């Protein structure tokens, strides 16, 4: 296994007033998409054609960006990321300017750098190659997955993004999360890091080597919800009411505690737990 961090290119054209952590996240998203989709530009264009995106960026900017993306050609992953980020910069200046990484804001009791470092250490120690990140909506799963992926060199699989990839490649909607996960695992081989809010609740982690459970306090989850709402972000989180948070946390906690394997880490303050189910030793 290779634990070297893949190269990260930040060309001069990307310098802007958008927070550097946001830019790094967007670049990581582009790399993940390039490695996952047969037609990554088509997936991006389809996202930009939605009413949600056009409402955020403005229809004129959205249409201009789509036209420019259709004209892009690229040689490899680095070239793809550089060209897409250059074209997308005007959109990012509109939609991301002034925003901060919600999970790295001071005073938040979310997962810590020590939690990430411990997860990486346990991966190396156990030989785990299929890492599942689970937790309530707004618990920081996507960001945590990115960081573990960056530190290990493992492929990062954001299941929410794969709904769009499935739609583009299969020309239909996935019937449910189970069908989508089956499709993902047919295409993606370990080592990988995968995350989604309902993987544990729908009993879809039977193949996992290691499970990271992010369980911050409810107040932190509601703060994530407010930040998303204030930014105009849409997504599956909107289908979950505030009244369901306690129920989801209880179901996740009971399922996690009843899992086999060995509990390797628990941070009472952040609510982060790590359980190793299988090893390659």
C-alpha atoms as a PDB file:
ATOM      1  CA  UNK A   1       0.000   0.000   0.000  1.00  0.00           C
ATOM      2  CA  UNK A   2       1.130   3.512  -0.732  1.00  0.00           C
ATOM      3  CA  UNK A   3       0.729   6.095   2.015  1.00  0.00           C
ATOM      4  CA  UNK A   4       2.420   8.897   0.106  1.00  0.00           C
ATOM      5  CA  UNK A   5       0.308  12.010  -0.334  1.00  0.00           C
ATOM      6  CA  UNK A   6      -0.571  12.578  -4.010  1.00  0.00           C
ATOM      7  CA  UNK A   7       0.743  15.833  -5.496  1.00  0.00           C
ATOM      8  CA  UNK A   8      -1.507  18.864  -5.120  1.00  0.00           C
ATOM      9  CA  UNK A   9      -1.219  21.556  -7.786  1.00  0.00           C
ATOM     10  CA  UNK A  10      -2.291  25.098  -7.042  1.00  0.00           C
ATOM     11  CA  UNK A  11      -1.628  27.127 -10.215  1.00  0.00           C
ATOM     12  CA  UNK A  12      -1.379  30.914 -10.037  1.00  0.00           C
ATOM     13  CA  UNK A  13      -4.708  31.255 -11.820  1.00  0.00           C
ATOM     14  CA  UNK A  14      -6.439  29.852  -8.729  1.00  0.00           C
ATOM     15  CA  UNK A  15      -5.230  32.666  -6.450  1.00  0.00           C
ATOM     16  CA  UNK A  16      -8.305  34.560  -5.329  1.00  0.00           C
ATOM     17  CA  UNK A  17     -10.270  35.820  -2.358  1.00  0.00           C
ATOM     18  CA  UNK A  18     -11.790  32.385  -1.827  1.00  0.00           C
ATOM     19  CA  UNK A  19     -10.539  30.715   1.377  1.00  0.00           C
ATOM     20  CA  UNK A  20      -7.561  28.440   0.652  1.00  0.00           C
ATOM     21  CA  UNK A  21      -9.199  25.531   2.495  1.00  0.00           C
ATOM     22  CA  UNK A  22     -12.294  25.846   0.306  1.00  0.00           C
ATOM     23  CA  UNK A  23     -10.101  25.859  -2.813  1.00  0.00           C
ATOM     24  CA  UNK A  24      -8.250  22.788  -1.578  1.00  0.00           C
ATOM     25  CA  UNK A  25     -11.572  21.028  -1.023  1.00  0.00           C
ATOM     26  CA  UNK A  26     -12.813  21.904  -4.505  1.00  0.00           C
ATOM     27  CA  UNK A  27      -9.557  20.688  -6.051  1.00  0.00           C
ATOM     28  CA  UNK A  28      -9.814  17.439  -4.072  1.00  0.00           C
ATOM     29  CA  UNK A  29     -13.397  17.052  -5.333  1.00  0.00           C
ATOM     30  CA  UNK A  30     -12.178  17.427  -8.921  1.00  0.00           C
ATOM     31  CA  UNK A  31      -9.492  14.798  -8.391  1.00  0.00           C
ATOM     32  CA  UNK A  32     -11.986  12.380  -6.835  1.00  0.00           C
ATOM     33  CA  UNK A  33     -14.407  12.947  -9.700  1.00  0.00           C
ATOM     34  CA  UNK A  34     -11.699  12.440 -12.344  1.00  0.00           C
ATOM     35  CA  UNK A  35     -10.726   9.118 -10.754  1.00  0.00           C
ATOM     36  CA  UNK A  36     -14.328   7.932 -10.396  1.00  0.00           C
ATOM     37  CA  UNK A  37     -16.245   9.001 -13.497  1.00  0.00           C
ATOM     38  CA  UNK A  38     -15.826   7.932 -17.110  1.00  0.00           C
ATOM     39  CA  UNK A  39     -16.984  11.417 -18.158  1.00  0.00           C
ATOM     40  CA  UNK A  40     -16.150  13.869 -15.344  1.00  0.00           C
ATOM     41  CA  UNK A  41     -16.900  16.993 -17.396  1.00  0.00           C
ATOM     42  CA  UNK A  42     -20.398  15.702 -18.162  1.00  0.00           C
ATOM     43  CA  UNK A  43     -21.052  15.236 -14.433  1.00  0.00           C
ATOM     44  CA  UNK A  44     -19.912  18.800 -13.648  1.00  0.00           C
ATOM     45  CA  UNK A  45     -21.982  20.261 -16.479  1.00  0.00           C
ATOM     46  CA  UNK A  46     -25.064  18.347 -15.323  1.00  0.00           C
ATOM     47  CA  UNK A  47     -24.633  19.810 -11.817  1.00  0.00           C
ATOM     48  CA  UNK A  48     -24.326  23.325 -13.228  1.00  0.00           C
ATOM     49  CA  UNK A  49     -27.506  22.907 -15.251  1.00  0.00           C
ATOM     50  CA  UNK A  50     -29.619  22.459 -12.114  1.00  0.00           C
ATOM     51  CA  UNK A  51     -31.871  25.230 -10.803  1.00  0.00           C
ATOM     52  CA  UNK A  52     -29.995  25.065  -7.472  1.00  0.00           C
ATOM     53  CA  UNK A  53     -26.691  25.957  -9.104  1.00  0.00           C
ATOM     54  CA  UNK A  54     -28.127  28.637 -11.364  1.00  0.00           C
ATOM     55  CA  UNK A  55     -29.851  30.280  -8.397  1.00  0.00           C
ATOM     56  CA  UNK A  56     -26.529  30.425  -6.520  1.00  0.00           C
ATOM     57  CA  UNK A  57     -24.251  31.553  -9.350  1.00  0.00           C
ATOM     58  CA  UNK A  58     -26.696  33.424 -11.555  1.00  0.00           C
ATOM     59  CA  UNK A  59     -27.978  32.030 -14.836  1.00  0.00           C
ATOM     60  CA  UNK A  60     -25.703  34.126 -17.073  1.00  0.00           C
ATOM     61  CA  UNK A  61     -22.521  33.065 -15.242  1.00  0.00           C
ATOM     62  CA  UNK A  62     -23.699  29.466 -15.087  1.00  0.00           C
ATOM     63  CA  UNK A  63     -24.402  29.282 -18.825  1.00  0.00           C
ATOM     64  CA  UNK A  64     -21.087  30.941 -19.701  1.00  0.00           C
ATOM     65  CA  UNK A  65     -19.197  28.497 -17.456  1.00  0.00           C
ATOM     66  CA  UNK A  66     -21.001  25.522 -18.991  1.00  0.00           C
ATOM     67  CA  UNK A  67     -20.053  26.678 -22.495  1.00  0.00           C
ATOM     68  CA  UNK A  68     -16.407  27.032 -21.447  1.00  0.00           C
ATOM     69  CA  UNK A  69     -16.369  23.597 -19.805  1.00  0.00           C
ATOM     70  CA  UNK A  70     -17.699  22.007 -22.999  1.00  0.00           C
ATOM     71  CA  UNK A  71     -14.630  23.323 -24.820  1.00  0.00           C
ATOM     72  CA  UNK A  72     -12.082  21.925 -22.366  1.00  0.00           C
ATOM     73  CA  UNK A  73      -9.612  19.247 -23.422  1.00  0.00           C
ATOM     74  CA  UNK A  74      -7.081  17.763 -21.017  1.00  0.00           C
ATOM     75  CA  UNK A  75      -4.149  15.356 -20.979  1.00  0.00           C
ATOM     76  CA  UNK A  76      -4.288  13.884 -17.488  1.00  0.00           C
ATOM     77  CA  UNK A  77      -5.610  14.390 -13.963  1.00  0.00           C
ATOM     78  CA  UNK A  78      -3.442  17.395 -13.130  1.00  0.00           C
ATOM     79  CA  UNK A  79      -4.328  19.074 -16.422  1.00  0.00           C
ATOM     80  CA  UNK A  80      -8.025  18.353 -15.829  1.00  0.00           C
ATOM     81  CA  UNK A  81      -7.958  19.915 -12.352  1.00  0.00           C
ATOM     82  CA  UNK A  82      -6.010  22.977 -13.507  1.00  0.00           C
ATOM     83  CA  UNK A  83      -8.305  23.699 -16.446  1.00  0.00           C
ATOM     84  CA  UNK A  84     -11.589  23.072 -14.627  1.00  0.00           C
ATOM     85  CA  UNK A  85     -10.564  25.192 -11.633  1.00  0.00           C
ATOM     86  CA  UNK A  86      -9.522  28.040 -13.925  1.00  0.00           C
ATOM     87  CA  UNK A  87     -12.894  28.011 -15.695  1.00  0.00           C
ATOM     88  CA  UNK A  88     -14.804  27.628 -12.431  1.00  0.00           C
ATOM     89  CA  UNK A  89     -13.035  30.447 -10.580  1.00  0.00           C
ATOM     90  CA  UNK A  90     -15.609  33.178 -11.401  1.00  0.00           C
ATOM     91  CA  UNK A  91     -18.302  30.860 -10.046  1.00  0.00           C
ATOM     92  CA  UNK A  92     -16.319  30.154  -6.878  1.00  0.00           C
ATOM     93  CA  UNK A  93     -15.763  33.885  -6.351  1.00  0.00           C
ATOM     94  CA  UNK A  94     -19.552  34.298  -6.340  1.00  0.00           C
ATOM     95  CA  UNK A  95     -20.596  31.209  -4.385  1.00  0.00           C
ATOM     96  CA  UNK A  96     -17.654  30.719  -1.978  1.00  0.00           C
ATOM     97  CA  UNK A  97     -16.134  34.174  -1.337  1.00  0.00           C
ATOM     98  CA  UNK A  98     -15.992  34.929   2.374  1.00  0.00           C
ATOM     99  CA  UNK A  99     -16.974  31.417   3.432  1.00  0.00           C
ATOM    100  CA  UNK A 100     -14.919  29.280   5.787  1.00  0.00           C
ATOM    101  CA  UNK A 101     -14.593  25.567   6.309  1.00  0.00           C
ATOM    102  CA  UNK A 102     -17.542  24.929   8.635  1.00  0.00           C
ATOM    103  CA  UNK A 103     -15.798  22.091  10.458  1.00  0.00           C
ATOM    104  CA  UNK A 104     -12.561  23.984  11.154  1.00  0.00           C
ATOM    105  CA  UNK A 105     -14.060  27.102  12.707  1.00  0.00           C
ATOM    106  CA  UNK A 106     -12.698  27.974  16.151  1.00  0.00           C
ATOM    107  CA  UNK A 107     -14.803  26.965  19.114  1.00  0.00           C
ATOM    108  CA  UNK A 108     -16.461  23.988  17.436  1.00  0.00           C
ATOM    109  CA  UNK A 109     -16.436  20.634  19.247  1.00  0.00           C
ATOM    110  CA  UNK A 110     -16.196  18.523  16.114  1.00  0.00           C
ATOM    111  CA  UNK A 111     -13.619  15.881  15.269  1.00  0.00           C
ATOM    112  CA  UNK A 112     -10.035  16.934  15.953  1.00  0.00           C
ATOM    113  CA  UNK A 113      -6.723  16.698  14.120  1.00  0.00           C
ATOM    114  CA  UNK A 114      -5.774  14.073  16.704  1.00  0.00           C
ATOM    115  CA  UNK A 115      -8.810  12.002  15.643  1.00  0.00           C
ATOM    116  CA  UNK A 116      -7.632  12.115  12.016  1.00  0.00           C
ATOM    117  CA  UNK A 117      -4.058  11.263  12.985  1.00  0.00           C
ATOM    118  CA  UNK A 118      -5.272   8.353  15.108  1.00  0.00           C
ATOM    119  CA  UNK A 119      -7.436   7.049  12.265  1.00  0.00           C
ATOM    120  CA  UNK A 120      -4.450   7.111   9.898  1.00  0.00           C
ATOM    121  CA  UNK A 121      -2.260   5.373  12.482  1.00  0.00           C
ATOM    122  CA  UNK A 122      -4.845   2.628  13.007  1.00  0.00           C
ATOM    123  CA  UNK A 123      -5.167   2.121   9.234  1.00  0.00           C
ATOM    124  CA  UNK A 124      -1.427   1.591   8.933  1.00  0.00           C
ATOM    125  CA  UNK A 125      -1.275  -0.629  12.022  1.00  0.00           C
ATOM    126  CA  UNK A 126      -4.226  -2.845  11.073  1.00  0.00           C
ATOM    127  CA  UNK A 127      -3.757  -2.944   7.305  1.00  0.00           C
ATOM    128  CA  UNK A 128      -7.381  -1.843   6.846  1.00  0.00           C
ATOM    129  CA  UNK A 129      -8.182  -0.941   3.231  1.00  0.00           C
ATOM    130  CA  UNK A 130     -11.956  -0.346   3.297  1.00  0.00           C
ATOM    131  CA  UNK A 131     -12.622   2.582   5.600  1.00  0.00           C
ATOM    132  CA  UNK A 132     -16.260   3.584   6.206  1.00  0.00           C
ATOM    133  CA  UNK A 133     -17.020   7.004   7.733  1.00  0.00           C
ATOM    134  CA  UNK A 134     -20.489   7.255   9.251  1.00  0.00           C
ATOM    135  CA  UNK A 135     -22.407   9.769  11.357  1.00  0.00           C
ATOM    136  CA  UNK A 136     -25.375  12.094  11.504  1.00  0.00           C
ATOM    137  CA  UNK A 137     -25.971  14.789   8.892  1.00  0.00           C
ATOM    138  CA  UNK A 138     -23.597  17.701   9.470  1.00  0.00           C
ATOM    139  CA  UNK A 139     -21.082  15.685  11.514  1.00  0.00           C
ATOM    140  CA  UNK A 140     -18.182  16.377   9.138  1.00  0.00           C
ATOM    141  CA  UNK A 141     -18.009  13.040   7.310  1.00  0.00           C
ATOM    142  CA  UNK A 142     -17.010  14.450   3.917  1.00  0.00           C
ATOM    143  CA  UNK A 143     -14.257  16.651   5.333  1.00  0.00           C
ATOM    144  CA  UNK A 144     -12.947  13.881   7.603  1.00  0.00           C
ATOM    145  CA  UNK A 145     -12.896  11.483   4.647  1.00  0.00           C
ATOM    146  CA  UNK A 146     -10.942  13.964   2.538  1.00  0.00           C
ATOM    147  CA  UNK A 147      -8.323  14.365   5.256  1.00  0.00           C
ATOM    148  CA  UNK A 148      -7.879  10.627   5.817  1.00  0.00           C
ATOM    149  CA  UNK A 149      -7.717  10.079   2.063  1.00  0.00           C
ATOM    150  CA  UNK A 150      -5.075  12.780   1.685  1.00  0.00           C
ATOM    151  CA  UNK A 151      -2.930  11.350   4.492  1.00  0.00           C
ATOM    152  CA  UNK A 152      -3.129   7.725   3.301  1.00  0.00           C
ATOM    153  CA  UNK A 153      -3.324   8.145  -0.468  1.00  0.00           C
ATOM    154  CA  UNK A 154      -6.516   6.045  -0.450  1.00  0.00           C
ATOM    155  CA  UNK A 155      -9.282   6.825  -2.951  1.00  0.00           C
ATOM    156  CA  UNK A 156     -11.961   9.071  -1.447  1.00  0.00           C
ATOM    157  CA  UNK A 157     -15.526   8.029  -2.309  1.00  0.00           C
ATOM    158  CA  UNK A 158     -18.247  10.564  -1.534  1.00  0.00           C
ATOM    159  CA  UNK A 159     -21.472   8.601  -1.981  1.00  0.00           C
ATOM    160  CA  UNK A 160     -23.564  11.759  -2.456  1.00  0.00           C
ATOM    161  CA  UNK A 161     -21.433  12.650  -5.511  1.00  0.00           C
ATOM    162  CA  UNK A 162     -21.911   9.140  -6.855  1.00  0.00           C
ATOM    163  CA  UNK A 163     -25.659   9.657  -7.172  1.00  0.00           C
ATOM    164  CA  UNK A 164     -24.757  12.166  -9.895  1.00  0.00           C
ATOM    165  CA  UNK A 165     -22.170   9.854 -11.474  1.00  0.00           C
ATOM    166  CA  UNK A 166     -24.688   6.988 -11.526  1.00  0.00           C
ATOM    167  CA  UNK A 167     -27.293   9.252 -13.125  1.00  0.00           C
ATOM    168  CA  UNK A 168     -24.867  10.352 -15.831  1.00  0.00           C
ATOM    169  CA  UNK A 169     -23.514   6.875 -16.594  1.00  0.00           C
ATOM    170  CA  UNK A 170     -26.738   4.871 -16.281  1.00  0.00           C
ATOM    171  CA  UNK A 171     -29.139   7.551 -17.549  1.00  0.00           C
ATOM    172  CA  UNK A 172     -31.489   6.954 -14.638  1.00  0.00           C
ATOM    173  CA  UNK A 173     -31.703   7.467 -10.893  1.00  0.00           C
ATOM    174  CA  UNK A 174     -30.393   4.829  -8.490  1.00  0.00           C
ATOM    175  CA  UNK A 175     -33.395   3.144  -6.877  1.00  0.00           C
ATOM    176  CA  UNK A 176     -31.872   3.358  -3.395  1.00  0.00           C
ATOM    177  CA  UNK A 177     -28.605   3.619  -1.468  1.00  0.00           C
ATOM    178  CA  UNK A 178     -28.100  -0.142  -1.579  1.00  0.00           C
ATOM    179  CA  UNK A 179     -28.165  -0.224  -5.389  1.00  0.00           C
ATOM    180  CA  UNK A 180     -25.840   2.763  -5.581  1.00  0.00           C
ATOM    181  CA  UNK A 181     -23.327   1.252  -3.151  1.00  0.00           C
ATOM    182  CA  UNK A 182     -23.312  -2.023  -5.103  1.00  0.00           C
ATOM    183  CA  UNK A 183     -22.576  -0.053  -8.282  1.00  0.00           C
ATOM    184  CA  UNK A 184     -19.767   1.880  -6.593  1.00  0.00           C
ATOM    185  CA  UNK A 185     -18.090  -1.236  -5.221  1.00  0.00           C
ATOM    186  CA  UNK A 186     -18.240  -2.910  -8.632  1.00  0.00           C
ATOM    187  CA  UNK A 187     -16.206  -0.028 -10.061  1.00  0.00           C
ATOM    188  CA  UNK A 188     -13.979   0.966  -7.157  1.00  0.00           C
ATOM    189  CA  UNK A 189     -11.464  -1.405  -5.593  1.00  0.00           C
ATOM    190  CA  UNK A 190      -9.758  -0.890  -2.224  1.00  0.00           C
ATOM    191  CA  UNK A 191      -8.000   0.825  -0.667  1.00  0.00           C
ATOM    192  CA  UNK A 192     -10.646   3.519  -0.282  1.00  0.00           C
ATOM    193  CA  UNK A 193     -12.409   5.791   2.200  1.00  0.00           C
ATOM    194  CA  UNK A 194     -16.185   6.003   1.793  1.00  0.00           C
ATOM    195  CA  UNK A 195     -18.760   8.107   3.625  1.00  0.00           C
ATOM    196  CA  UNK A 196     -22.513   8.559   3.879  1.00  0.00           C
ATOM    197  CA  UNK A 197     -24.970   9.332   6.678  1.00  0.00           C
ATOM    198  CA  UNK A 198     -27.065   6.179   6.208  1.00  0.00           C
ATOM    199  CA  UNK A 199     -24.459   3.459   5.610  1.00  0.00           C
ATOM    200  CA  UNK A 200     -24.733   2.168   9.182  1.00  0.00           C
ATOM    201  CA  UNK A 201     -28.469   2.686   9.638  1.00  0.00           C
ATOM    202  CA  UNK A 202     -29.172   0.720   6.438  1.00  0.00           C
ATOM    203  CA  UNK A 203     -26.734  -2.050   7.406  1.00  0.00           C
ATOM    204  CA  UNK A 204     -24.468  -1.413   4.410  1.00  0.00           C
ATOM    205  CA  UNK A 205     -21.082  -1.718   6.104  1.00  0.00           C
ATOM    206  CA  UNK A 206     -20.711  -5.508   6.187  1.00  0.00           C
ATOM    207  CA  UNK A 207     -17.647  -5.322   3.921  1.00  0.00           C
ATOM    208  CA  UNK A 208     -15.873  -2.640   5.977  1.00  0.00           C
ATOM    209  CA  UNK A 209     -12.424  -3.220   7.490  1.00  0.00           C
ATOM    210  CA  UNK A 210     -12.703  -0.166   9.744  1.00  0.00           C
ATOM    211  CA  UNK A 211     -15.566   2.134  10.753  1.00  0.00           C
ATOM    212  CA  UNK A 212     -15.138   5.712  11.972  1.00  0.00           C
ATOM    213  CA  UNK A 213     -18.210   7.034  13.773  1.00  0.00           C
ATOM    214  CA  UNK A 214     -18.472  10.830  14.022  1.00  0.00           C
ATOM    215  CA  UNK A 215     -20.934  11.699  16.767  1.00  0.00           C
ATOM    216  CA  UNK A 216     -20.564  15.352  17.858  1.00  0.00           C
ATOM    217  CA  UNK A 217     -23.064  16.965  20.201  1.00  0.00           C
ATOM    218  CA  UNK A 218     -26.475  17.853  18.796  1.00  0.00           C
ATOM    219  CA  UNK A 219     -25.728  21.567  19.156  1.00  0.00           C
ATOM    220  CA  UNK A 220     -22.812  21.197  16.752  1.00  0.00           C
ATOM    221  CA  UNK A 221     -24.978  19.326  14.249  1.00  0.00           C
ATOM    222  CA  UNK A 222     -27.579  22.078  14.367  1.00  0.00           C
ATOM    223  CA  UNK A 223     -24.847  24.686  13.868  1.00  0.00           C
ATOM    224  CA  UNK A 224     -23.749  22.830  10.721  1.00  0.00           C
ATOM    225  CA  UNK A 225     -27.373  22.914   9.600  1.00  0.00           C
ATOM    226  CA  UNK A 226     -27.604  26.674  10.135  1.00  0.00           C
ATOM    227  CA  UNK A 227     -24.357  27.291   8.247  1.00  0.00           C
ATOM    228  CA  UNK A 228     -25.610  25.249   5.308  1.00  0.00           C
ATOM    229  CA  UNK A 229     -28.939  27.056   5.321  1.00  0.00           C
ATOM    230  CA  UNK A 230     -27.299  30.492   5.474  1.00  0.00           C
ATOM    231  CA  UNK A 231     -25.032  29.626   2.531  1.00  0.00           C
ATOM    232  CA  UNK A 232     -27.981  28.519   0.386  1.00  0.00           C
ATOM    233  CA  UNK A 233     -26.630  24.982   0.101  1.00  0.00           C
ATOM    234  CA  UNK A 234     -29.096  22.263  -0.809  1.00  0.00           C
ATOM    235  CA  UNK A 235     -28.824  18.529  -0.391  1.00  0.00           C
ATOM    236  CA  UNK A 236     -30.158  15.435   1.356  1.00  0.00           C
ATOM    237  CA  UNK A 237     -29.649  17.109   4.743  1.00  0.00           C
ATOM    238  CA  UNK A 238     -32.805  19.120   4.028  1.00  0.00           C
ATOM    239  CA  UNK A 239     -34.892  15.930   4.103  1.00  0.00           C
ATOM    240  CA  UNK A 240     -33.908  15.407   7.757  1.00  0.00           C
ATOM    241  CA  UNK A 241     -35.809  17.515  10.276  1.00  0.00           C
ATOM    242  CA  UNK A 242     -34.198  18.827  13.443  1.00  0.00           C
ATOM    243  CA  UNK A 243     -36.511  16.560  15.406  1.00  0.00           C
ATOM    244  CA  UNK A 244     -34.970  13.460  13.779  1.00  0.00           C
ATOM    245  CA  UNK A 245     -31.402  14.146  14.911  1.00  0.00           C
ATOM    246  CA  UNK A 246     -31.780  12.432  18.297  1.00  0.00           C
ATOM    247  CA  UNK A 247     -33.419   9.373  16.732  1.00  0.00           C
ATOM    248  CA  UNK A 248     -30.672   9.035  14.112  1.00  0.00           C
ATOM    249  CA  UNK A 249     -27.920   9.439  16.718  1.00  0.00           C
ATOM    250  CA  UNK A 250     -29.516   6.785  18.932  1.00  0.00           C
ATOM    251  CA  UNK A 251     -29.832   4.302  16.046  1.00  0.00           C
ATOM    252  CA  UNK A 252     -26.258   4.910  14.905  1.00  0.00           C
ATOM    253  CA  UNK A 253     -24.853   4.589  18.421  1.00  0.00           C
ATOM    254  CA  UNK A 254     -26.718   1.356  19.180  1.00  0.00           C
ATOM    255  CA  UNK A 255     -25.675  -0.195  15.867  1.00  0.00           C
ATOM    256  CA  UNK A 256     -22.050   0.895  16.304  1.00  0.00           C
ATOM    257  CA  UNK A 257     -21.841  -0.448  19.854  1.00  0.00           C
ATOM    258  CA  UNK A 258     -23.307  -3.789  18.764  1.00  0.00           C
ATOM    259  CA  UNK A 259     -20.796  -4.270  15.962  1.00  0.00           C
ATOM    260  CA  UNK A 260     -18.138  -6.933  16.202  1.00  0.00           C
ATOM    261  CA  UNK A 261     -14.472  -6.040  16.051  1.00  0.00           C
ATOM    262  CA  UNK A 262     -12.274  -4.012  18.390  1.00  0.00           C
ATOM    263  CA  UNK A 263     -12.889  -0.451  19.573  1.00  0.00           C
ATOM    264  CA  UNK A 264      -9.550   1.257  18.957  1.00  0.00           C
ATOM    265  CA  UNK A 265     -10.344   4.896  19.725  1.00  0.00           C
ATOM    266  CA  UNK A 266     -12.906   7.025  21.518  1.00  0.00           C
ATOM    267  CA  UNK A 267     -12.720  10.790  22.016  1.00  0.00           C
ATOM    268  CA  UNK A 268     -15.399  11.780  24.532  1.00  0.00           C
ATOM    269  CA  UNK A 269     -15.187  15.503  23.714  1.00  0.00           C
ATOM    270  CA  UNK A 270     -15.493  15.248  19.918  1.00  0.00           C
ATOM    271  CA  UNK A 271     -17.625  12.097  19.948  1.00  0.00           C
ATOM    272  CA  UNK A 272     -15.346  10.316  17.469  1.00  0.00           C
ATOM    273  CA  UNK A 273     -15.032   6.516  17.732  1.00  0.00           C
ATOM    274  CA  UNK A 274     -13.060   4.038  15.611  1.00  0.00           C
ATOM    275  CA  UNK A 275     -13.697   0.308  15.400  1.00  0.00           C
ATOM    276  CA  UNK A 276     -11.582  -2.182  13.440  1.00  0.00           C
ATOM    277  CA  UNK A 277     -13.632  -5.059  12.050  1.00  0.00           C
ATOM    278  CA  UNK A 278     -11.100  -6.866   9.861  1.00  0.00           C
ATOM    279  CA  UNK A 279      -7.358  -6.774   9.397  1.00  0.00           C
ATOM    280  CA  UNK A 280      -5.054  -7.953   6.646  1.00  0.00           C
ATOM    281  CA  UNK A 281      -2.545  -9.360   9.081  1.00  0.00           C
END
